[in-house]
Amino acid sequence: MTTLVVLFNLKSDADQQAYEQWAKTTDLPTAGALPSVDAFNLYKSQALLMSDERPPYQYIEVIKVNDMAQFGQDVTTETMQKVASEFQSFADNPLFILTEQI
């Protein structure tokens, strides 16, 4: 199984409350219901352990993908293209990292 980790900050003009509301009502339920997705969780950074510095990213998405070929098809639907476009309006240069468990 592949785990997709997405690291991102909000754009400087993005409203944090609007993003979090959109994530809860649109992104998480829509992407989380894709046939290729077993789990989709969103985390908000709190702090760096034993440091006064801010975390480099405000948000982390962790998406458990059971079939990458199917995921590729799932994200091309009209609904997911709309969700992806809305996500891009909030997120500032997100990093999409494909991982596998060791």
PDB file of N, CA and C in Angstrom:
ATOM      1  N   MET A   1       0.847  -1.184   0.000  1.00  0.00           N
ATOM      2  CA  MET A   1       0.000   0.000   0.000  1.00  0.00           C
ATOM      3  C   MET A   1       0.889   1.244   0.000  1.00  0.00           C
ATOM      4  N   THR A   2       0.483   2.226  -0.751  1.00  0.00           N
ATOM      5  CA  THR A   2       1.193   3.500  -0.827  1.00  0.00           C
ATOM      6  C   THR A   2       0.515   4.501   0.101  1.00  0.00           C
ATOM      7  N   THR A   3       1.314   5.278   0.782  1.00  0.00           N
ATOM      8  CA  THR A   3       0.792   6.381   1.578  1.00  0.00           C
ATOM      9  C   THR A   3       1.275   7.679   0.943  1.00  0.00           C
ATOM     10  N   LEU A   4       0.337   8.537   0.636  1.00  0.00           N
ATOM     11  CA  LEU A   4       0.640   9.846   0.080  1.00  0.00           C
ATOM     12  C   LEU A   4       0.646  10.847   1.230  1.00  0.00           C
ATOM     13  N   VAL A   5       1.775  11.527   1.398  1.00  0.00           N
ATOM     14  CA  VAL A   5       1.911  12.543   2.432  1.00  0.00           C
ATOM     15  C   VAL A   5       1.996  13.891   1.725  1.00  0.00           C
ATOM     16  N   VAL A   6       1.124  14.805   2.121  1.00  0.00           N
ATOM     17  CA  VAL A   6       1.086  16.126   1.498  1.00  0.00           C
ATOM     18  C   VAL A   6       1.428  17.157   2.574  1.00  0.00           C
ATOM     19  N   LEU A   7       2.482  17.919   2.329  1.00  0.00           N
ATOM     20  CA  LEU A   7       2.925  18.962   3.260  1.00  0.00           C
ATOM     21  C   LEU A   7       2.633  20.307   2.615  1.00  0.00           C
ATOM     22  N   PHE A   8       2.003  21.201   3.377  1.00  0.00           N
ATOM     23  CA  PHE A   8       1.703  22.506   2.784  1.00  0.00           C
ATOM     24  C   PHE A   8       1.409  23.571   3.833  1.00  0.00           C
ATOM     25  N   ASN A   9       1.570  24.795   3.369  1.00  0.00           N
ATOM     26  CA  ASN A   9       1.150  25.990   4.093  1.00  0.00           C
ATOM     27  C   ASN A   9       0.018  26.619   3.301  1.00  0.00           C
ATOM     28  N   LEU A  10      -0.756  27.424   3.968  1.00  0.00           N
ATOM     29  CA  LEU A  10      -1.795  28.172   3.263  1.00  0.00           C
ATOM     30  C   LEU A  10      -1.166  29.375   2.568  1.00  0.00           C
ATOM     31  N   LYS A  11      -1.770  29.795   1.472  1.00  0.00           N
ATOM     32  CA  LYS A  11      -1.336  31.014   0.802  1.00  0.00           C
ATOM     33  C   LYS A  11      -1.546  32.182   1.755  1.00  0.00           C
ATOM     34  N   SER A  12      -0.763  33.215   1.581  1.00  0.00           N
ATOM     35  CA  SER A  12      -0.817  34.356   2.504  1.00  0.00           C
ATOM     36  C   SER A  12      -2.201  35.015   2.537  1.00  0.00           C
ATOM     37  N   ASP A  13      -2.946  34.938   1.438  1.00  0.00           N
ATOM     38  CA  ASP A  13      -4.272  35.560   1.411  1.00  0.00           C
ATOM     39  C   ASP A  13      -5.405  34.575   1.722  1.00  0.00           C
ATOM     40  N   ALA A  14      -5.062  33.337   2.058  1.00  0.00           N
ATOM     41  CA  ALA A  14      -6.090  32.335   2.360  1.00  0.00           C
ATOM     42  C   ALA A  14      -6.588  32.489   3.791  1.00  0.00           C
ATOM     43  N   ASP A  15      -7.873  32.317   3.973  1.00  0.00           N
ATOM     44  CA  ASP A  15      -8.483  32.395   5.294  1.00  0.00           C
ATOM     45  C   ASP A  15      -8.411  31.018   5.952  1.00  0.00           C
ATOM     46  N   GLN A  16      -7.745  30.927   7.097  1.00  0.00           N
ATOM     47  CA  GLN A  16      -7.537  29.646   7.779  1.00  0.00           C
ATOM     48  C   GLN A  16      -8.861  28.980   8.150  1.00  0.00           C
ATOM     49  N   GLN A  17      -9.788  29.726   8.697  1.00  0.00           N
ATOM     50  CA  GLN A  17     -11.072  29.143   9.084  1.00  0.00           C
ATOM     51  C   GLN A  17     -11.847  28.642   7.867  1.00  0.00           C
ATOM     52  N   ALA A  18     -11.798  29.395   6.782  1.00  0.00           N
ATOM     53  CA  ALA A  18     -12.481  28.971   5.555  1.00  0.00           C
ATOM     54  C   ALA A  18     -11.845  27.691   5.018  1.00  0.00           C
ATOM     55  N   TYR A  19     -10.508  27.621   5.053  1.00  0.00           N
ATOM     56  CA  TYR A  19      -9.837  26.405   4.584  1.00  0.00           C
ATOM     57  C   TYR A  19     -10.250  25.212   5.438  1.00  0.00           C
ATOM     58  N   GLU A  20     -10.171  25.335   6.751  1.00  0.00           N
ATOM     59  CA  GLU A  20     -10.470  24.207   7.625  1.00  0.00           C
ATOM     60  C   GLU A  20     -11.921  23.761   7.494  1.00  0.00           C
ATOM     61  N   GLN A  21     -12.832  24.692   7.318  1.00  0.00           N
ATOM     62  CA  GLN A  21     -14.239  24.347   7.099  1.00  0.00           C
ATOM     63  C   GLN A  21     -14.397  23.603   5.776  1.00  0.00           C
ATOM     64  N   TRP A  22     -13.759  24.115   4.725  1.00  0.00           N
ATOM     65  CA  TRP A  22     -13.808  23.463   3.418  1.00  0.00           C
ATOM     66  C   TRP A  22     -13.207  22.056   3.503  1.00  0.00           C
ATOM     67  N   ALA A  23     -12.085  21.909   4.201  1.00  0.00           N
ATOM     68  CA  ALA A  23     -11.437  20.602   4.335  1.00  0.00           C
ATOM     69  C   ALA A  23     -12.374  19.599   5.012  1.00  0.00           C
ATOM     70  N   LYS A  24     -13.047  20.036   6.077  1.00  0.00           N
ATOM     71  CA  LYS A  24     -13.946  19.144   6.822  1.00  0.00           C
ATOM     72  C   LYS A  24     -15.198  18.780   6.037  1.00  0.00           C
ATOM     73  N   THR A  25     -15.730  19.720   5.266  1.00  0.00           N
ATOM     74  CA  THR A  25     -17.011  19.486   4.595  1.00  0.00           C
ATOM     75  C   THR A  25     -16.883  19.028   3.145  1.00  0.00           C
ATOM     76  N   THR A  26     -15.736  19.261   2.530  1.00  0.00           N
ATOM     77  CA  THR A  26     -15.583  18.927   1.116  1.00  0.00           C
ATOM     78  C   THR A  26     -14.423  17.975   0.854  1.00  0.00           C
ATOM     79  N   ASP A  27     -13.216  18.400   1.187  1.00  0.00           N
ATOM     80  CA  ASP A  27     -12.024  17.629   0.813  1.00  0.00           C
ATOM     81  C   ASP A  27     -11.974  16.259   1.475  1.00  0.00           C
ATOM     82  N   LEU A  28     -12.048  16.225   2.795  1.00  0.00           N
ATOM     83  CA  LEU A  28     -11.937  14.947   3.508  1.00  0.00           C
ATOM     84  C   LEU A  28     -13.046  13.960   3.118  1.00  0.00           C
ATOM     85  N   PRO A  29     -14.309  14.361   3.104  1.00  0.00           N
ATOM     86  CA  PRO A  29     -15.341  13.385   2.746  1.00  0.00           C
ATOM     87  C   PRO A  29     -15.307  12.968   1.272  1.00  0.00           C
ATOM     88  N   THR A  30     -14.941  13.871   0.375  1.00  0.00           N
ATOM     89  CA  THR A  30     -14.943  13.543  -1.049  1.00  0.00           C
ATOM     90  C   THR A  30     -13.756  12.650  -1.403  1.00  0.00           C
ATOM     91  N   ALA A  31     -12.555  13.105  -1.088  1.00  0.00           N
ATOM     92  CA  ALA A  31     -11.365  12.313  -1.408  1.00  0.00           C
ATOM     93  C   ALA A  31     -11.312  11.039  -0.566  1.00  0.00           C
ATOM     94  N   GLY A  32     -11.772  11.122   0.666  1.00  0.00           N
ATOM     95  CA  GLY A  32     -11.770   9.956   1.538  1.00  0.00           C
ATOM     96  C   GLY A  32     -12.702   8.851   1.081  1.00  0.00           C
ATOM     97  N   ALA A  33     -13.687   9.186   0.249  1.00  0.00           N
ATOM     98  CA  ALA A  33     -14.652   8.194  -0.235  1.00  0.00           C
ATOM     99  C   ALA A  33     -14.239   7.565  -1.566  1.00  0.00           C
ATOM    100  N   LEU A  34     -13.111   7.981  -2.127  1.00  0.00           N
ATOM    101  CA  LEU A  34     -12.669   7.395  -3.393  1.00  0.00           C
ATOM    102  C   LEU A  34     -12.412   5.898  -3.214  1.00  0.00           C
ATOM    103  N   PRO A  35     -12.726   5.076  -4.202  1.00  0.00           N
ATOM    104  CA  PRO A  35     -12.496   3.634  -4.093  1.00  0.00           C
ATOM    105  C   PRO A  35     -11.028   3.278  -3.813  1.00  0.00           C
ATOM    106  N   SER A  36     -10.113   4.101  -4.281  1.00  0.00           N
ATOM    107  CA  SER A  36      -8.682   3.822  -4.122  1.00  0.00           C
ATOM    108  C   SER A  36      -8.117   4.293  -2.784  1.00  0.00           C
ATOM    109  N   VAL A  37      -8.929   4.948  -1.982  1.00  0.00           N
ATOM    110  CA  VAL A  37      -8.449   5.517  -0.711  1.00  0.00           C
ATOM    111  C   VAL A  37      -9.038   4.744   0.461  1.00  0.00           C
ATOM    112  N   ASP A  38      -8.147   4.212   1.304  1.00  0.00           N
ATOM    113  CA  ASP A  38      -8.580   3.508   2.515  1.00  0.00           C
ATOM    114  C   ASP A  38      -8.748   4.463   3.695  1.00  0.00           C
ATOM    115  N   ALA A  39      -7.947   5.521   3.727  1.00  0.00           N
ATOM    116  CA  ALA A  39      -8.024   6.487   4.829  1.00  0.00           C
ATOM    117  C   ALA A  39      -7.447   7.820   4.365  1.00  0.00           C
ATOM    118  N   PHE A  40      -8.029   8.901   4.873  1.00  0.00           N
ATOM    119  CA  PHE A  40      -7.552  10.249   4.548  1.00  0.00           C
ATOM    120  C   PHE A  40      -7.661  11.076   5.822  1.00  0.00           C
ATOM    121  N   ASN A  41      -6.507  11.508   6.332  1.00  0.00           N
ATOM    122  CA  ASN A  41      -6.475  12.305   7.556  1.00  0.00           C
ATOM    123  C   ASN A  41      -5.730  13.606   7.309  1.00  0.00           C
ATOM    124  N   LEU A  42      -6.204  14.645   7.955  1.00  0.00           N
ATOM    125  CA  LEU A  42      -5.582  15.962   7.876  1.00  0.00           C
ATOM    126  C   LEU A  42      -5.124  16.356   9.266  1.00  0.00           C
ATOM    127  N   TYR A  43      -3.890  16.833   9.342  1.00  0.00           N
ATOM    128  CA  TYR A  43      -3.316  17.256  10.618  1.00  0.00           C
ATOM    129  C   TYR A  43      -2.866  18.705  10.520  1.00  0.00           C
ATOM    130  N   LYS A  44      -3.024  19.422  11.615  1.00  0.00           N
ATOM    131  CA  LYS A  44      -2.560  20.794  11.721  1.00  0.00           C
ATOM    132  C   LYS A  44      -1.338  20.797  12.629  1.00  0.00           C
ATOM    133  N   SER A  45      -0.240  21.350  12.149  1.00  0.00           N
ATOM    134  CA  SER A  45       0.990  21.385  12.944  1.00  0.00           C
ATOM    135  C   SER A  45       0.786  22.208  14.207  1.00  0.00           C
ATOM    136  N   GLN A  46       1.364  21.730  15.288  1.00  0.00           N
ATOM    137  CA  GLN A  46       1.274  22.425  16.566  1.00  0.00           C
ATOM    138  C   GLN A  46       2.599  23.084  16.949  1.00  0.00           C
ATOM    139  N   ALA A  47       3.671  22.299  16.888  1.00  0.00           N
ATOM    140  CA  ALA A  47       4.979  22.793  17.327  1.00  0.00           C
ATOM    141  C   ALA A  47       6.045  21.801  16.895  1.00  0.00           C
ATOM    142  N   LEU A  48       7.291  22.203  17.026  1.00  0.00           N
ATOM    143  CA  LEU A  48       8.409  21.293  16.849  1.00  0.00           C
ATOM    144  C   LEU A  48       8.839  20.825  18.232  1.00  0.00           C
ATOM    145  N   LEU A  49       9.009  19.552  18.387  1.00  0.00           N
ATOM    146  CA  LEU A  49       9.372  18.970  19.675  1.00  0.00           C
ATOM    147  C   LEU A  49      10.672  19.583  20.190  1.00  0.00           C
ATOM    148  N   MET A  50      10.646  20.034  21.419  1.00  0.00           N
ATOM    149  CA  MET A  50      11.800  20.617  22.106  1.00  0.00           C
ATOM    150  C   MET A  50      12.439  21.770  21.329  1.00  0.00           C
ATOM    151  N   SER A  51      11.592  22.622  20.766  1.00  0.00           N
ATOM    152  CA  SER A  51      12.072  23.756  19.997  1.00  0.00           C
ATOM    153  C   SER A  51      11.067  24.893  20.083  1.00  0.00           C
ATOM    154  N   ASP A  52      11.577  26.106  19.995  1.00  0.00           N
ATOM    155  CA  ASP A  52      10.708  27.277  19.948  1.00  0.00           C
ATOM    156  C   ASP A  52      10.393  27.687  18.512  1.00  0.00           C
ATOM    157  N   GLU A  53      11.024  27.030  17.551  1.00  0.00           N
ATOM    158  CA  GLU A  53      10.797  27.359  16.147  1.00  0.00           C
ATOM    159  C   GLU A  53       9.437  26.835  15.685  1.00  0.00           C
ATOM    160  N   ARG A  54       8.898  27.514  14.685  1.00  0.00           N
ATOM    161  CA  ARG A  54       7.633  27.084  14.099  1.00  0.00           C
ATOM    162  C   ARG A  54       7.863  25.910  13.164  1.00  0.00           C
ATOM    163  N   PRO A  55       6.911  25.000  13.060  1.00  0.00           N
ATOM    164  CA  PRO A  55       7.037  23.918  12.086  1.00  0.00           C
ATOM    165  C   PRO A  55       7.116  24.503  10.670  1.00  0.00           C
ATOM    166  N   PRO A  56       7.838  23.850   9.775  1.00  0.00           N
ATOM    167  CA  PRO A  56       7.968  24.390   8.417  1.00  0.00           C
ATOM    168  C   PRO A  56       6.675  24.314   7.606  1.00  0.00           C
ATOM    169  N   TYR A  57       5.739  23.448   8.018  1.00  0.00           N
ATOM    170  CA  TYR A  57       4.468  23.313   7.313  1.00  0.00           C
ATOM    171  C   TYR A  57       3.320  23.419   8.300  1.00  0.00           C
ATOM    172  N   GLN A  58       2.255  24.102   7.889  1.00  0.00           N
ATOM    173  CA  GLN A  58       1.071  24.276   8.733  1.00  0.00           C
ATOM    174  C   GLN A  58       0.198  23.029   8.754  1.00  0.00           C
ATOM    175  N   TYR A  59       0.150  22.306   7.628  1.00  0.00           N
ATOM    176  CA  TYR A  59      -0.771  21.177   7.502  1.00  0.00           C
ATOM    177  C   TYR A  59      -0.080  19.974   6.878  1.00  0.00           C
ATOM    178  N   ILE A  60      -0.558  18.801   7.270  1.00  0.00           N
ATOM    179  CA  ILE A  60      -0.073  17.536   6.732  1.00  0.00           C
ATOM    180  C   ILE A  60      -1.289  16.666   6.416  1.00  0.00           C
ATOM    181  N   GLU A  61      -1.384  16.221   5.181  1.00  0.00           N
ATOM    182  CA  GLU A  61      -2.392  15.245   4.797  1.00  0.00           C
ATOM    183  C   GLU A  61      -1.718  13.886   4.696  1.00  0.00           C
ATOM    184  N   VAL A  62      -2.386  12.849   5.176  1.00  0.00           N
ATOM    185  CA  VAL A  62      -1.894  11.480   5.062  1.00  0.00           C
ATOM    186  C   VAL A  62      -3.016  10.665   4.415  1.00  0.00           C
ATOM    187  N   ILE A  63      -2.735  10.183   3.208  1.00  0.00           N
ATOM    188  CA  ILE A  63      -3.739   9.471   2.422  1.00  0.00           C
ATOM    189  C   ILE A  63      -3.237   8.059   2.159  1.00  0.00           C
ATOM    190  N   LYS A  64      -3.963   7.061   2.641  1.00  0.00           N
ATOM    191  CA  LYS A  64      -3.636   5.650   2.420  1.00  0.00           C
ATOM    192  C   LYS A  64      -4.294   5.214   1.120  1.00  0.00           C
ATOM    193  N   VAL A  65      -3.463   4.912   0.126  1.00  0.00           N
ATOM    194  CA  VAL A  65      -3.953   4.561  -1.207  1.00  0.00           C
ATOM    195  C   VAL A  65      -3.787   3.056  -1.410  1.00  0.00           C
ATOM    196  N   ASN A  66      -4.884   2.371  -1.677  1.00  0.00           N
ATOM    197  CA  ASN A  66      -4.831   0.915  -1.847  1.00  0.00           C
ATOM    198  C   ASN A  66      -4.502   0.489  -3.272  1.00  0.00           C
ATOM    199  N   ASP A  67      -4.639   1.406  -4.242  1.00  0.00           N
ATOM    200  CA  ASP A  67      -4.378   1.068  -5.645  1.00  0.00           C
ATOM    201  C   ASP A  67      -4.012   2.361  -6.379  1.00  0.00           C
ATOM    202  N   MET A  68      -2.729   2.530  -6.691  1.00  0.00           N
ATOM    203  CA  MET A  68      -2.282   3.772  -7.316  1.00  0.00           C
ATOM    204  C   MET A  68      -2.852   3.951  -8.725  1.00  0.00           C
ATOM    205  N   ALA A  69      -3.014   2.857  -9.473  1.00  0.00           N
ATOM    206  CA  ALA A  69      -3.599   2.977 -10.810  1.00  0.00           C
ATOM    207  C   ALA A  69      -5.042   3.479 -10.709  1.00  0.00           C
ATOM    208  N   GLN A  70      -5.792   2.921  -9.774  1.00  0.00           N
ATOM    209  CA  GLN A  70      -7.172   3.369  -9.568  1.00  0.00           C
ATOM    210  C   GLN A  70      -7.196   4.810  -9.056  1.00  0.00           C
ATOM    211  N   PHE A  71      -6.262   5.154  -8.179  1.00  0.00           N
ATOM    212  CA  PHE A  71      -6.173   6.519  -7.651  1.00  0.00           C
ATOM    213  C   PHE A  71      -5.982   7.505  -8.810  1.00  0.00           C
ATOM    214  N   GLY A  72      -5.108   7.144  -9.743  1.00  0.00           N
ATOM    215  CA  GLY A  72      -4.898   7.996 -10.915  1.00  0.00           C
ATOM    216  C   GLY A  72      -6.181   8.239 -11.682  1.00  0.00           C
ATOM    217  N   GLN A  73      -7.022   7.217 -11.786  1.00  0.00           N
ATOM    218  CA  GLN A  73      -8.316   7.371 -12.453  1.00  0.00           C
ATOM    219  C   GLN A  73      -9.292   8.170 -11.595  1.00  0.00           C
ATOM    220  N   ASP A  74      -9.289   7.885 -10.296  1.00  0.00           N
ATOM    221  CA  ASP A  74     -10.226   8.558  -9.382  1.00  0.00           C
ATOM    222  C   ASP A  74     -10.034  10.072  -9.367  1.00  0.00           C
ATOM    223  N   VAL A  75      -8.799  10.525  -9.411  1.00  0.00           N
ATOM    224  CA  VAL A  75      -8.553  11.959  -9.292  1.00  0.00           C
ATOM    225  C   VAL A  75      -8.817  12.725 -10.587  1.00  0.00           C
ATOM    226  N   THR A  76      -9.125  12.001 -11.665  1.00  0.00           N
ATOM    227  CA  THR A  76      -9.420  12.686 -12.926  1.00  0.00           C
ATOM    228  C   THR A  76     -10.905  12.964 -13.118  1.00  0.00           C
ATOM    229  N   THR A  77     -11.732  12.525 -12.169  1.00  0.00           N
ATOM    230  CA  THR A  77     -13.163  12.782 -12.304  1.00  0.00           C
ATOM    231  C   THR A  77     -13.446  14.278 -12.191  1.00  0.00           C
ATOM    232  N   GLU A  78     -14.565  14.691 -12.716  1.00  0.00           N
ATOM    233  CA  GLU A  78     -14.954  16.107 -12.659  1.00  0.00           C
ATOM    234  C   GLU A  78     -15.048  16.602 -11.210  1.00  0.00           C
ATOM    235  N   THR A  79     -15.612  15.767 -10.351  1.00  0.00           N
ATOM    236  CA  THR A  79     -15.743  16.144  -8.935  1.00  0.00           C
ATOM    237  C   THR A  79     -14.377  16.357  -8.297  1.00  0.00           C
ATOM    238  N   MET A  80     -13.459  15.414  -8.526  1.00  0.00           N
ATOM    239  CA  MET A  80     -12.137  15.540  -7.906  1.00  0.00           C
ATOM    240  C   MET A  80     -11.315  16.659  -8.532  1.00  0.00           C
ATOM    241  N   GLN A  81     -11.529  16.941  -9.792  1.00  0.00           N
ATOM    242  CA  GLN A  81     -10.834  18.070 -10.411  1.00  0.00           C
ATOM    243  C   GLN A  81     -11.284  19.390  -9.778  1.00  0.00           C
ATOM    244  N   LYS A  82     -12.572  19.472  -9.446  1.00  0.00           N
ATOM    245  CA  LYS A  82     -13.093  20.661  -8.760  1.00  0.00           C
ATOM    246  C   LYS A  82     -12.485  20.766  -7.360  1.00  0.00           C
ATOM    247  N   VAL A  83     -12.435  19.646  -6.638  1.00  0.00           N
ATOM    248  CA  VAL A  83     -11.845  19.633  -5.290  1.00  0.00           C
ATOM    249  C   VAL A  83     -10.369  20.012  -5.365  1.00  0.00           C
ATOM    250  N   ALA A  84      -9.649  19.455  -6.328  1.00  0.00           N
ATOM    251  CA  ALA A  84      -8.223  19.764  -6.481  1.00  0.00           C
ATOM    252  C   ALA A  84      -8.005  21.245  -6.780  1.00  0.00           C
ATOM    253  N   SER A  85      -8.854  21.813  -7.608  1.00  0.00           N
ATOM    254  CA  SER A  85      -8.755  23.232  -7.938  1.00  0.00           C
ATOM    255  C   SER A  85      -9.001  24.099  -6.703  1.00  0.00           C
ATOM    256  N   GLU A  86     -10.002  23.722  -5.920  1.00  0.00           N
ATOM    257  CA  GLU A  86     -10.286  24.464  -4.687  1.00  0.00           C
ATOM    258  C   GLU A  86      -9.121  24.338  -3.706  1.00  0.00           C
ATOM    259  N   PHE A  87      -8.549  23.124  -3.592  1.00  0.00           N
ATOM    260  CA  PHE A  87      -7.385  22.923  -2.731  1.00  0.00           C
ATOM    261  C   PHE A  87      -6.241  23.839  -3.163  1.00  0.00           C
ATOM    262  N   GLN A  88      -5.982  23.900  -4.461  1.00  0.00           N
ATOM    263  CA  GLN A  88      -4.894  24.734  -4.972  1.00  0.00           C
ATOM    264  C   GLN A  88      -5.132  26.226  -4.690  1.00  0.00           C
ATOM    265  N   SER A  89      -6.391  26.622  -4.531  1.00  0.00           N
ATOM    266  CA  SER A  89      -6.667  28.031  -4.215  1.00  0.00           C
ATOM    267  C   SER A  89      -6.282  28.363  -2.774  1.00  0.00           C
ATOM    268  N   PHE A  90      -6.200  27.340  -1.914  1.00  0.00           N
ATOM    269  CA  PHE A  90      -5.801  27.535  -0.519  1.00  0.00           C
ATOM    270  C   PHE A  90      -4.312  27.266  -0.293  1.00  0.00           C
ATOM    271  N   ALA A  91      -3.793  26.195  -0.890  1.00  0.00           N
ATOM    272  CA  ALA A  91      -2.457  25.687  -0.566  1.00  0.00           C
ATOM    273  C   ALA A  91      -1.371  26.387  -1.378  1.00  0.00           C
ATOM    274  N   ASP A  92      -0.285  26.714  -0.700  1.00  0.00           N
ATOM    275  CA  ASP A  92       0.850  27.379  -1.317  1.00  0.00           C
ATOM    276  C   ASP A  92       1.937  26.350  -1.627  1.00  0.00           C
ATOM    277  N   ASN A  93       2.020  25.946  -2.890  1.00  0.00           N
ATOM    278  CA  ASN A  93       3.068  25.042  -3.353  1.00  0.00           C
ATOM    279  C   ASN A  93       3.175  23.754  -2.520  1.00  0.00           C
ATOM    280  N   PRO A  94       2.105  22.968  -2.448  1.00  0.00           N
ATOM    281  CA  PRO A  94       2.141  21.743  -1.638  1.00  0.00           C
ATOM    282  C   PRO A  94       3.124  20.717  -2.192  1.00  0.00           C
ATOM    283  N   LEU A  95       3.692  19.926  -1.284  1.00  0.00           N
ATOM    284  CA  LEU A  95       4.582  18.833  -1.658  1.00  0.00           C
ATOM    285  C   LEU A  95       3.793  17.528  -1.521  1.00  0.00           C
ATOM    286  N   PHE A  96       3.773  16.725  -2.588  1.00  0.00           N
ATOM    287  CA  PHE A  96       3.083  15.446  -2.606  1.00  0.00           C
ATOM    288  C   PHE A  96       4.145  14.350  -2.581  1.00  0.00           C
ATOM    289  N   ILE A  97       4.266  13.645  -1.476  1.00  0.00           N
ATOM    290  CA  ILE A  97       5.323  12.656  -1.301  1.00  0.00           C
ATOM    291  C   ILE A  97       4.711  11.254  -1.262  1.00  0.00           C
ATOM    292  N   LEU A  98       5.103  10.402  -2.197  1.00  0.00           N
ATOM    293  CA  LEU A  98       4.657   9.011  -2.207  1.00  0.00           C
ATOM    294  C   LEU A  98       5.585   8.209  -1.288  1.00  0.00           C
ATOM    295  N   THR A  99       4.995   7.435  -0.392  1.00  0.00           N
ATOM    296  CA  THR A  99       5.793   6.655   0.547  1.00  0.00           C
ATOM    297  C   THR A  99       5.310   5.205   0.583  1.00  0.00           C
ATOM    298  N   GLU A 100       6.169   4.350   1.082  1.00  0.00           N
ATOM    299  CA  GLU A 100       5.778   2.970   1.337  1.00  0.00           C
ATOM    300  C   GLU A 100       6.302   2.601   2.709  1.00  0.00           C
ATOM    301  N   GLN A 101       5.559   1.762   3.397  1.00  0.00           N
ATOM    302  CA  GLN A 101       5.951   1.343   4.740  1.00  0.00           C
ATOM    303  C   GLN A 101       7.088   0.341   4.657  1.00  0.00           C
ATOM    304  N   ILE A 102       8.041   0.478   5.544  1.00  0.00           N
ATOM    305  CA  ILE A 102       9.183  -0.429   5.598  1.00  0.00           C
ATOM    306  C   ILE A 102       8.912  -1.522   6.616  1.00  0.00           C
TER     307      ILE A 102
END
